[in-house]
Amino acid sequence: MRCLLPKPFESVDIDQLASLYAYPADGGIRANMVTTLDGAVSANGKSEPISGPPDKYMFGVLRALADVVVVGAGTARSEGYGPGRERNEFAHLRVAAGQQTAPAIAVVTRSAELDPSSSLFVDAKVRTIVITSEQADSDRRTALSEVADVEICGESEVDLAEARRRLRARGLGRILTEGGPRLLGDFAAAGLLDELALSISPLIAGGNAGRIVHASTVILERMRLRTLLEADQFLFCLYERNNDRQTESQVEAVNS
């Protein structure tokens, strides 16, 4: 893997990657997504076919730097999510950062329609967190509370700002979200997305796959490119918030 920005050098080791992708001192919310050259977020409904060894390695690095991985329930089901696990090659990073051996997994679900007997819960060495709403069925919430920590954030919808506050209160300030596109859209629309780690796969996918962000409103938030790396024709871009955001009304005014 070679670095193109902020300073070109031909070979990047794990400790240099950790430095390039370090969270700010006060943490933040970072998204990690992969897309093809033609903008597809998946092939046949899954992201794995558009990934590859360099992307999977970066996936591991980003998880190693995070306190908690936040994922939408739909993505957890479709991608067959299991619990966070220890990775020997990244263990020294977590020791140095004073983190537990593996990141916690937090699943966002308005309805709490999750299987408490799944590996995501019963095989977790670090207890899984369920972030849900008051609207969720009380019996489901009770069943999940036996195998997970259940956080009620919001009434009919999940309040992501409150979810962030609850995670920080647990000491989980370095937050990584892996989507899916709807959850990423919700974070972006709420102005909560601090960084985007985007892997660009050297594939053309075709089909009718969606984009990495699915939102009902126009967002148009400008991001600043902080880091750019390349490995085996994959590009790895790390963007950070530029604090230059146009509201939908501003967009309409420009177009009128």
C-alpha atoms as a PDB file:
ATOM      1  CA  MET A   1       0.000   0.000   0.000  1.00  0.00           C
ATOM      2  CA  ARG A   2       1.380   3.406  -0.946  1.00  0.00           C
ATOM      3  CA  CYS A   3       0.427   6.868   0.230  1.00  0.00           C
ATOM      4  CA  LEU A   4      -0.381   9.625  -2.268  1.00  0.00           C
ATOM      5  CA  LEU A   5      -1.615  12.264   0.197  1.00  0.00           C
ATOM      6  CA  PRO A   6      -0.785  14.088   2.415  1.00  0.00           C
ATOM      7  CA  LYS A   7       2.825  13.114   1.609  1.00  0.00           C
ATOM      8  CA  PRO A   8       3.806  10.550  -1.053  1.00  0.00           C
ATOM      9  CA  PHE A   9       5.704   7.479   0.083  1.00  0.00           C
ATOM     10  CA  GLU A  10       5.818   4.030  -1.434  1.00  0.00           C
ATOM     11  CA  SER A  11       5.157   1.691   1.463  1.00  0.00           C
ATOM     12  CA  VAL A  12       2.855   2.202   4.438  1.00  0.00           C
ATOM     13  CA  ASP A  13       3.015  -0.069   7.473  1.00  0.00           C
ATOM     14  CA  ILE A  14       0.287  -0.637  10.036  1.00  0.00           C
ATOM     15  CA  ASP A  15       1.600   1.955  12.489  1.00  0.00           C
ATOM     16  CA  GLN A  16       1.732   4.610   9.747  1.00  0.00           C
ATOM     17  CA  LEU A  17      -1.828   3.705   8.751  1.00  0.00           C
ATOM     18  CA  ALA A  18      -2.925   4.073  12.356  1.00  0.00           C
ATOM     19  CA  SER A  19      -1.365   7.533  12.438  1.00  0.00           C
ATOM     20  CA  LEU A  20      -2.945   8.593   9.139  1.00  0.00           C
ATOM     21  CA  TYR A  21      -6.371   7.361  10.245  1.00  0.00           C
ATOM     22  CA  ALA A  22      -6.179   8.403  13.897  1.00  0.00           C
ATOM     23  CA  TYR A  23      -9.389   9.835  15.357  1.00  0.00           C
ATOM     24  CA  PRO A  24      -9.366  13.351  16.801  1.00  0.00           C
ATOM     25  CA  ALA A  25      -8.666  13.483  20.528  1.00  0.00           C
ATOM     26  CA  ASP A  26     -12.388  13.908  21.277  1.00  0.00           C
ATOM     27  CA  GLY A  27     -13.426  11.053  18.950  1.00  0.00           C
ATOM     28  CA  GLY A  28     -16.078  11.420  16.285  1.00  0.00           C
ATOM     29  CA  ILE A  29     -18.256   9.529  13.833  1.00  0.00           C
ATOM     30  CA  ARG A  30     -16.483   8.010  10.841  1.00  0.00           C
ATOM     31  CA  ALA A  31     -18.169   6.039   8.067  1.00  0.00           C
ATOM     32  CA  ASN A  32     -16.451   3.272   6.121  1.00  0.00           C
ATOM     33  CA  MET A  33     -17.982   2.377   2.757  1.00  0.00           C
ATOM     34  CA  VAL A  34     -16.879   0.764  -0.499  1.00  0.00           C
ATOM     35  CA  THR A  35     -18.113   1.684  -3.964  1.00  0.00           C
ATOM     36  CA  THR A  36     -17.343   0.661  -7.532  1.00  0.00           C
ATOM     37  CA  LEU A  37     -16.131   2.959 -10.300  1.00  0.00           C
ATOM     38  CA  ASP A  38     -19.728   3.369 -11.472  1.00  0.00           C
ATOM     39  CA  GLY A  39     -21.010   4.151  -7.980  1.00  0.00           C
ATOM     40  CA  ALA A  40     -22.514   0.799  -6.965  1.00  0.00           C
ATOM     41  CA  VAL A  41     -22.517   0.054  -3.258  1.00  0.00           C
ATOM     42  CA  SER A  42     -23.116  -3.671  -3.760  1.00  0.00           C
ATOM     43  CA  ALA A  43     -23.515  -6.487  -6.271  1.00  0.00           C
ATOM     44  CA  ASN A  44     -26.430  -8.893  -5.894  1.00  0.00           C
ATOM     45  CA  GLY A  45     -27.320  -7.171  -2.637  1.00  0.00           C
ATOM     46  CA  LYS A  46     -23.967  -7.594  -0.885  1.00  0.00           C
ATOM     47  CA  SER A  47     -20.786  -5.543  -0.630  1.00  0.00           C
ATOM     48  CA  GLU A  48     -18.408  -8.516  -0.555  1.00  0.00           C
ATOM     49  CA  PRO A  49     -18.291  -9.028  -4.375  1.00  0.00           C
ATOM     50  CA  ILE A  50     -17.036  -5.469  -4.924  1.00  0.00           C
ATOM     51  CA  SER A  51     -14.426  -5.706  -2.180  1.00  0.00           C
ATOM     52  CA  GLY A  52     -10.988  -7.337  -2.326  1.00  0.00           C
ATOM     53  CA  PRO A  53      -7.950  -8.091  -0.128  1.00  0.00           C
ATOM     54  CA  PRO A  54      -6.746  -4.459   0.168  1.00  0.00           C
ATOM     55  CA  ASP A  55     -10.244  -3.252   1.085  1.00  0.00           C
ATOM     56  CA  LYS A  56     -10.693  -6.052   3.620  1.00  0.00           C
ATOM     57  CA  TYR A  57      -7.361  -5.152   5.200  1.00  0.00           C
ATOM     58  CA  MET A  58      -8.394  -1.502   5.466  1.00  0.00           C
ATOM     59  CA  PHE A  59     -11.719  -2.668   6.912  1.00  0.00           C
ATOM     60  CA  GLY A  60      -9.746  -4.412   9.659  1.00  0.00           C
ATOM     61  CA  VAL A  61      -7.569  -1.358  10.312  1.00  0.00           C
ATOM     62  CA  LEU A  62     -10.558   0.943  10.664  1.00  0.00           C
ATOM     63  CA  ARG A  63     -12.250  -1.450  13.063  1.00  0.00           C
ATOM     64  CA  ALA A  64      -9.049  -1.740  15.063  1.00  0.00           C
ATOM     65  CA  LEU A  65      -9.038   2.030  15.597  1.00  0.00           C
ATOM     66  CA  ALA A  66     -12.702   2.230  16.629  1.00  0.00           C
ATOM     67  CA  ASP A  67     -14.300   1.791  20.040  1.00  0.00           C
ATOM     68  CA  VAL A  68     -17.636   0.755  18.545  1.00  0.00           C
ATOM     69  CA  VAL A  69     -18.976  -0.239  15.126  1.00  0.00           C
ATOM     70  CA  VAL A  70     -22.487   1.062  14.426  1.00  0.00           C
ATOM     71  CA  VAL A  71     -24.549  -0.704  11.776  1.00  0.00           C
ATOM     72  CA  GLY A  72     -28.157  -0.668  10.624  1.00  0.00           C
ATOM     73  CA  ALA A  73     -30.247  -3.767  11.310  1.00  0.00           C
ATOM     74  CA  GLY A  74     -30.885  -4.372   7.600  1.00  0.00           C
ATOM     75  CA  THR A  75     -27.172  -4.408   6.827  1.00  0.00           C
ATOM     76  CA  ALA A  76     -26.466  -6.606   9.847  1.00  0.00           C
ATOM     77  CA  ARG A  77     -28.949  -9.151   8.509  1.00  0.00           C
ATOM     78  CA  SER A  78     -28.007  -9.021   4.811  1.00  0.00           C
ATOM     79  CA  GLU A  79     -24.254  -9.102   5.447  1.00  0.00           C
ATOM     80  CA  GLY A  80     -24.485 -11.754   8.183  1.00  0.00           C
ATOM     81  CA  TYR A  81     -22.864  -9.658  10.893  1.00  0.00           C
ATOM     82  CA  GLY A  82     -21.178 -11.375  13.796  1.00  0.00           C
ATOM     83  CA  PRO A  83     -19.588  -9.828  16.880  1.00  0.00           C
ATOM     84  CA  GLY A  84     -16.390  -7.796  16.828  1.00  0.00           C
ATOM     85  CA  ARG A  85     -13.368 -10.057  17.140  1.00  0.00           C
ATOM     86  CA  GLU A  86      -9.776  -9.791  18.226  1.00  0.00           C
ATOM     87  CA  ARG A  87      -7.179  -9.480  15.457  1.00  0.00           C
ATOM     88  CA  ASN A  88      -3.617 -10.280  16.517  1.00  0.00           C
ATOM     89  CA  GLU A  89      -2.053  -8.046  13.856  1.00  0.00           C
ATOM     90  CA  PHE A  90      -3.907  -5.021  15.217  1.00  0.00           C
ATOM     91  CA  ALA A  91      -3.852  -5.907  18.925  1.00  0.00           C
ATOM     92  CA  HIS A  92      -0.962  -3.558  19.770  1.00  0.00           C
ATOM     93  CA  LEU A  93      -2.953  -0.606  18.404  1.00  0.00           C
ATOM     94  CA  ARG A  94      -5.804  -1.284  20.792  1.00  0.00           C
ATOM     95  CA  VAL A  95      -3.460  -1.795  23.736  1.00  0.00           C
ATOM     96  CA  ALA A  96      -1.731   1.514  22.985  1.00  0.00           C
ATOM     97  CA  ALA A  97      -5.100   3.292  22.782  1.00  0.00           C
ATOM     98  CA  GLY A  98      -6.331   1.731  26.037  1.00  0.00           C
ATOM     99  CA  GLN A  99      -9.196  -0.029  24.240  1.00  0.00           C
ATOM    100  CA  GLN A 100     -10.859  -3.353  24.952  1.00  0.00           C
ATOM    101  CA  THR A 101      -9.604  -6.243  22.826  1.00  0.00           C
ATOM    102  CA  ALA A 102     -12.315  -5.872  20.152  1.00  0.00           C
ATOM    103  CA  PRO A 103     -14.751  -3.132  19.203  1.00  0.00           C
ATOM    104  CA  ALA A 104     -18.325  -3.419  20.381  1.00  0.00           C
ATOM    105  CA  ILE A 105     -21.028  -3.787  17.720  1.00  0.00           C
ATOM    106  CA  ALA A 106     -24.041  -1.469  18.027  1.00  0.00           C
ATOM    107  CA  VAL A 107     -27.106  -2.227  15.895  1.00  0.00           C
ATOM    108  CA  VAL A 108     -29.550   0.562  15.080  1.00  0.00           C
ATOM    109  CA  THR A 109     -33.141  -0.668  14.747  1.00  0.00           C
ATOM    110  CA  ARG A 110     -36.370   1.242  15.188  1.00  0.00           C
ATOM    111  CA  SER A 111     -38.398  -1.959  15.654  1.00  0.00           C
ATOM    112  CA  ALA A 112     -35.917  -4.203  17.531  1.00  0.00           C
ATOM    113  CA  GLU A 113     -36.630  -7.004  15.041  1.00  0.00           C
ATOM    114  CA  LEU A 114     -33.429  -8.902  15.750  1.00  0.00           C
ATOM    115  CA  ASP A 115     -32.780 -12.547  16.580  1.00  0.00           C
ATOM    116  CA  PRO A 116     -31.375 -12.772  20.120  1.00  0.00           C
ATOM    117  CA  SER A 117     -30.062 -16.272  19.383  1.00  0.00           C
ATOM    118  CA  SER A 118     -27.839 -15.110  16.508  1.00  0.00           C
ATOM    119  CA  SER A 119     -24.053 -15.172  16.671  1.00  0.00           C
ATOM    120  CA  LEU A 120     -24.019 -11.371  16.861  1.00  0.00           C
ATOM    121  CA  PHE A 121     -25.279 -11.709  20.429  1.00  0.00           C
ATOM    122  CA  VAL A 122     -24.476 -15.163  21.810  1.00  0.00           C
ATOM    123  CA  ASP A 123     -20.865 -15.278  20.557  1.00  0.00           C
ATOM    124  CA  ALA A 124     -19.939 -11.714  21.500  1.00  0.00           C
ATOM    125  CA  LYS A 125     -16.997 -11.370  23.898  1.00  0.00           C
ATOM    126  CA  VAL A 126     -17.761  -7.660  24.032  1.00  0.00           C
ATOM    127  CA  ARG A 127     -21.489  -7.295  24.695  1.00  0.00           C
ATOM    128  CA  THR A 128     -23.449  -6.114  21.658  1.00  0.00           C
ATOM    129  CA  ILE A 129     -25.470  -2.899  21.953  1.00  0.00           C
ATOM    130  CA  VAL A 130     -28.952  -2.458  20.490  1.00  0.00           C
ATOM    131  CA  ILE A 131     -30.002   1.137  19.810  1.00  0.00           C
ATOM    132  CA  THR A 132     -33.748   1.312  19.371  1.00  0.00           C
ATOM    133  CA  SER A 133     -36.848   3.423  19.987  1.00  0.00           C
ATOM    134  CA  GLU A 134     -39.765   3.568  22.408  1.00  0.00           C
ATOM    135  CA  GLN A 135     -41.949   2.307  19.549  1.00  0.00           C
ATOM    136  CA  ALA A 136     -40.164  -1.064  19.482  1.00  0.00           C
ATOM    137  CA  ASP A 137     -42.135  -4.003  20.819  1.00  0.00           C
ATOM    138  CA  SER A 138     -41.532  -4.318  24.573  1.00  0.00           C
ATOM    139  CA  ASP A 139     -41.293  -8.132  24.443  1.00  0.00           C
ATOM    140  CA  ARG A 140     -38.574  -7.930  21.780  1.00  0.00           C
ATOM    141  CA  ARG A 141     -36.695  -5.356  23.830  1.00  0.00           C
ATOM    142  CA  THR A 142     -36.914  -7.585  26.898  1.00  0.00           C
ATOM    143  CA  ALA A 143     -35.641 -10.637  25.001  1.00  0.00           C
ATOM    144  CA  LEU A 144     -32.741  -8.671  23.554  1.00  0.00           C
ATOM    145  CA  SER A 145     -31.832  -7.228  26.951  1.00  0.00           C
ATOM    146  CA  GLU A 146     -30.916 -10.769  28.043  1.00  0.00           C
ATOM    147  CA  VAL A 147     -28.064 -10.903  25.507  1.00  0.00           C
ATOM    148  CA  ALA A 148     -27.318  -7.245  24.737  1.00  0.00           C
ATOM    149  CA  ASP A 149     -27.298  -3.763  26.217  1.00  0.00           C
ATOM    150  CA  VAL A 150     -30.458  -2.046  24.948  1.00  0.00           C
ATOM    151  CA  GLU A 151     -30.461   1.736  24.634  1.00  0.00           C
ATOM    152  CA  ILE A 152     -33.774   3.539  24.008  1.00  0.00           C
ATOM    153  CA  CYS A 153     -32.982   6.624  21.920  1.00  0.00           C
ATOM    154  CA  GLY A 154     -36.061   8.390  20.635  1.00  0.00           C
ATOM    155  CA  GLU A 155     -39.781   7.731  20.547  1.00  0.00           C
ATOM    156  CA  SER A 156     -40.979   6.637  17.088  1.00  0.00           C
ATOM    157  CA  GLU A 157     -37.574   6.932  15.389  1.00  0.00           C
ATOM    158  CA  VAL A 158     -34.027   6.403  16.601  1.00  0.00           C
ATOM    159  CA  ASP A 159     -32.476   9.714  17.637  1.00  0.00           C
ATOM    160  CA  LEU A 160     -28.900   9.391  16.371  1.00  0.00           C
ATOM    161  CA  ALA A 161     -27.647  12.423  18.282  1.00  0.00           C
ATOM    162  CA  GLU A 162     -28.897  10.815  21.495  1.00  0.00           C
ATOM    163  CA  ALA A 163     -27.342   7.507  20.407  1.00  0.00           C
ATOM    164  CA  ARG A 164     -24.003   9.248  19.979  1.00  0.00           C
ATOM    165  CA  ARG A 165     -24.342  10.805  23.438  1.00  0.00           C
ATOM    166  CA  ARG A 166     -25.116   7.406  25.004  1.00  0.00           C
ATOM    167  CA  LEU A 167     -22.140   5.758  23.293  1.00  0.00           C
ATOM    168  CA  ARG A 168     -19.825   8.516  24.451  1.00  0.00           C
ATOM    169  CA  ALA A 169     -21.151   8.120  27.991  1.00  0.00           C
ATOM    170  CA  ARG A 170     -20.016   4.480  27.760  1.00  0.00           C
ATOM    171  CA  GLY A 171     -16.517   5.637  26.806  1.00  0.00           C
ATOM    172  CA  LEU A 172     -17.104   4.723  23.153  1.00  0.00           C
ATOM    173  CA  GLY A 173     -16.244   8.027  21.493  1.00  0.00           C
ATOM    174  CA  ARG A 174     -14.392   6.666  18.440  1.00  0.00           C
ATOM    175  CA  ILE A 175     -17.415   5.606  16.430  1.00  0.00           C
ATOM    176  CA  LEU A 176     -17.255   3.750  13.109  1.00  0.00           C
ATOM    177  CA  THR A 177     -20.403   3.230  11.062  1.00  0.00           C
ATOM    178  CA  GLU A 178     -20.435   0.687   8.241  1.00  0.00           C
ATOM    179  CA  GLY A 179     -23.872   1.635   6.981  1.00  0.00           C
ATOM    180  CA  GLY A 180     -25.923   0.667   5.254  1.00  0.00           C
ATOM    181  CA  PRO A 181     -26.747   3.550   2.939  1.00  0.00           C
ATOM    182  CA  ARG A 182     -29.933   4.512   4.786  1.00  0.00           C
ATOM    183  CA  LEU A 183     -28.186   4.748   8.160  1.00  0.00           C
ATOM    184  CA  LEU A 184     -25.315   6.670   6.589  1.00  0.00           C
ATOM    185  CA  GLY A 185     -27.864   8.996   5.013  1.00  0.00           C
ATOM    186  CA  ASP A 186     -29.463   9.553   8.408  1.00  0.00           C
ATOM    187  CA  PHE A 187     -26.106  10.402   9.992  1.00  0.00           C
ATOM    188  CA  ALA A 188     -25.241  12.799   7.155  1.00  0.00           C
ATOM    189  CA  ALA A 189     -28.673  14.455   7.114  1.00  0.00           C
ATOM    190  CA  ALA A 190     -28.447  15.022  10.871  1.00  0.00           C
ATOM    191  CA  GLY A 191     -25.055  16.703  10.484  1.00  0.00           C
ATOM    192  CA  LEU A 192     -23.366  14.006  12.580  1.00  0.00           C
ATOM    193  CA  LEU A 193     -20.931  12.559  10.040  1.00  0.00           C
ATOM    194  CA  ASP A 194     -17.415  13.794  10.806  1.00  0.00           C
ATOM    195  CA  GLU A 195     -15.386  11.637   8.405  1.00  0.00           C
ATOM    196  CA  LEU A 196     -15.896   9.334   5.430  1.00  0.00           C
ATOM    197  CA  ALA A 197     -13.413   6.561   4.662  1.00  0.00           C
ATOM    198  CA  LEU A 198     -14.297   5.616   1.102  1.00  0.00           C
ATOM    199  CA  SER A 199     -12.792   2.639  -0.710  1.00  0.00           C
ATOM    200  CA  ILE A 200     -13.068   2.872  -4.505  1.00  0.00           C
ATOM    201  CA  SER A 201     -13.004  -0.581  -6.055  1.00  0.00           C
ATOM    202  CA  PRO A 202     -11.507  -0.933  -9.575  1.00  0.00           C
ATOM    203  CA  LEU A 203     -14.709  -2.582 -10.822  1.00  0.00           C
ATOM    204  CA  ILE A 204     -17.653  -1.594 -12.975  1.00  0.00           C
ATOM    205  CA  ALA A 205     -20.718  -3.280 -11.526  1.00  0.00           C
ATOM    206  CA  GLY A 206     -23.722  -2.242 -13.610  1.00  0.00           C
ATOM    207  CA  GLY A 207     -27.071  -3.408 -12.301  1.00  0.00           C
ATOM    208  CA  ASN A 208     -29.337  -1.256 -10.175  1.00  0.00           C
ATOM    209  CA  ALA A 209     -27.429  -1.074  -6.896  1.00  0.00           C
ATOM    210  CA  GLY A 210     -27.843   2.075  -4.837  1.00  0.00           C
ATOM    211  CA  ARG A 211     -25.268   4.643  -3.741  1.00  0.00           C
ATOM    212  CA  ILE A 212     -23.417   4.700  -0.435  1.00  0.00           C
ATOM    213  CA  VAL A 213     -25.831   7.327   0.936  1.00  0.00           C
ATOM    214  CA  HIS A 214     -29.598   7.013   0.777  1.00  0.00           C
ATOM    215  CA  ALA A 215     -31.425  10.097   2.077  1.00  0.00           C
ATOM    216  CA  SER A 216     -34.847  11.596   1.490  1.00  0.00           C
ATOM    217  CA  THR A 217     -33.467  15.139   1.490  1.00  0.00           C
ATOM    218  CA  VAL A 218     -30.705  16.869  -0.456  1.00  0.00           C
ATOM    219  CA  ILE A 219     -27.632  17.227   1.772  1.00  0.00           C
ATOM    220  CA  LEU A 220     -24.775  18.733  -0.291  1.00  0.00           C
ATOM    221  CA  GLU A 221     -22.153  18.824   2.439  1.00  0.00           C
ATOM    222  CA  ARG A 222     -18.653  19.500   1.165  1.00  0.00           C
ATOM    223  CA  MET A 223     -15.913  17.240   2.527  1.00  0.00           C
ATOM    224  CA  ARG A 224     -12.150  17.822   2.530  1.00  0.00           C
ATOM    225  CA  LEU A 225      -9.769  15.093   1.298  1.00  0.00           C
ATOM    226  CA  ARG A 226      -7.284  14.385   4.079  1.00  0.00           C
ATOM    227  CA  THR A 227      -5.619  11.130   3.029  1.00  0.00           C
ATOM    228  CA  LEU A 228      -5.342   9.140  -0.208  1.00  0.00           C
ATOM    229  CA  LEU A 229      -3.756   5.706  -0.534  1.00  0.00           C
ATOM    230  CA  GLU A 230      -3.571   3.093  -3.292  1.00  0.00           C
ATOM    231  CA  ALA A 231      -3.164  -0.678  -3.290  1.00  0.00           C
ATOM    232  CA  ASP A 232      -3.789  -3.123  -6.135  1.00  0.00           C
ATOM    233  CA  GLN A 233      -5.812  -0.502  -8.070  1.00  0.00           C
ATOM    234  CA  PHE A 234      -8.050   0.248  -5.070  1.00  0.00           C
ATOM    235  CA  LEU A 235      -8.125   3.856  -3.876  1.00  0.00           C
ATOM    236  CA  PHE A 236      -8.642   4.648  -0.212  1.00  0.00           C
ATOM    237  CA  CYS A 237      -9.906   8.156   0.467  1.00  0.00           C
ATOM    238  CA  LEU A 238     -10.345   9.695   3.901  1.00  0.00           C
ATOM    239  CA  TYR A 239     -12.547  12.783   3.830  1.00  0.00           C
ATOM    240  CA  GLU A 240     -13.289  15.017   6.792  1.00  0.00           C
ATOM    241  CA  ARG A 241     -16.060  17.521   7.408  1.00  0.00           C
ATOM    242  CA  ASN A 242     -15.384  20.872   5.768  1.00  0.00           C
ATOM    243  CA  ASN A 243     -18.155  22.730   7.648  1.00  0.00           C
ATOM    244  CA  ASP A 244     -19.466  23.954   4.307  1.00  0.00           C
ATOM    245  CA  ARG A 245     -23.025  22.674   4.172  1.00  0.00           C
ATOM    246  CA  GLN A 246     -25.887  23.853   1.983  1.00  0.00           C
ATOM    247  CA  THR A 247     -29.427  23.435   3.191  1.00  0.00           C
ATOM    248  CA  GLU A 248     -32.136  22.204   0.850  1.00  0.00           C
ATOM    249  CA  SER A 249     -33.601  25.725   0.743  1.00  0.00           C
ATOM    250  CA  GLN A 250     -30.235  27.093  -0.358  1.00  0.00           C
ATOM    251  CA  VAL A 251     -30.051  24.485  -3.095  1.00  0.00           C
ATOM    252  CA  GLU A 252     -33.528  25.435  -4.290  1.00  0.00           C
ATOM    253  CA  ALA A 253     -32.561  29.117  -4.282  1.00  0.00           C
ATOM    254  CA  VAL A 254     -29.519  28.396  -6.463  1.00  0.00           C
ATOM    255  CA  ASN A 255     -31.618  26.363  -8.890  1.00  0.00           C
ATOM    256  CA  SER A 256     -34.475  28.873  -9.097  1.00  0.00           C
END
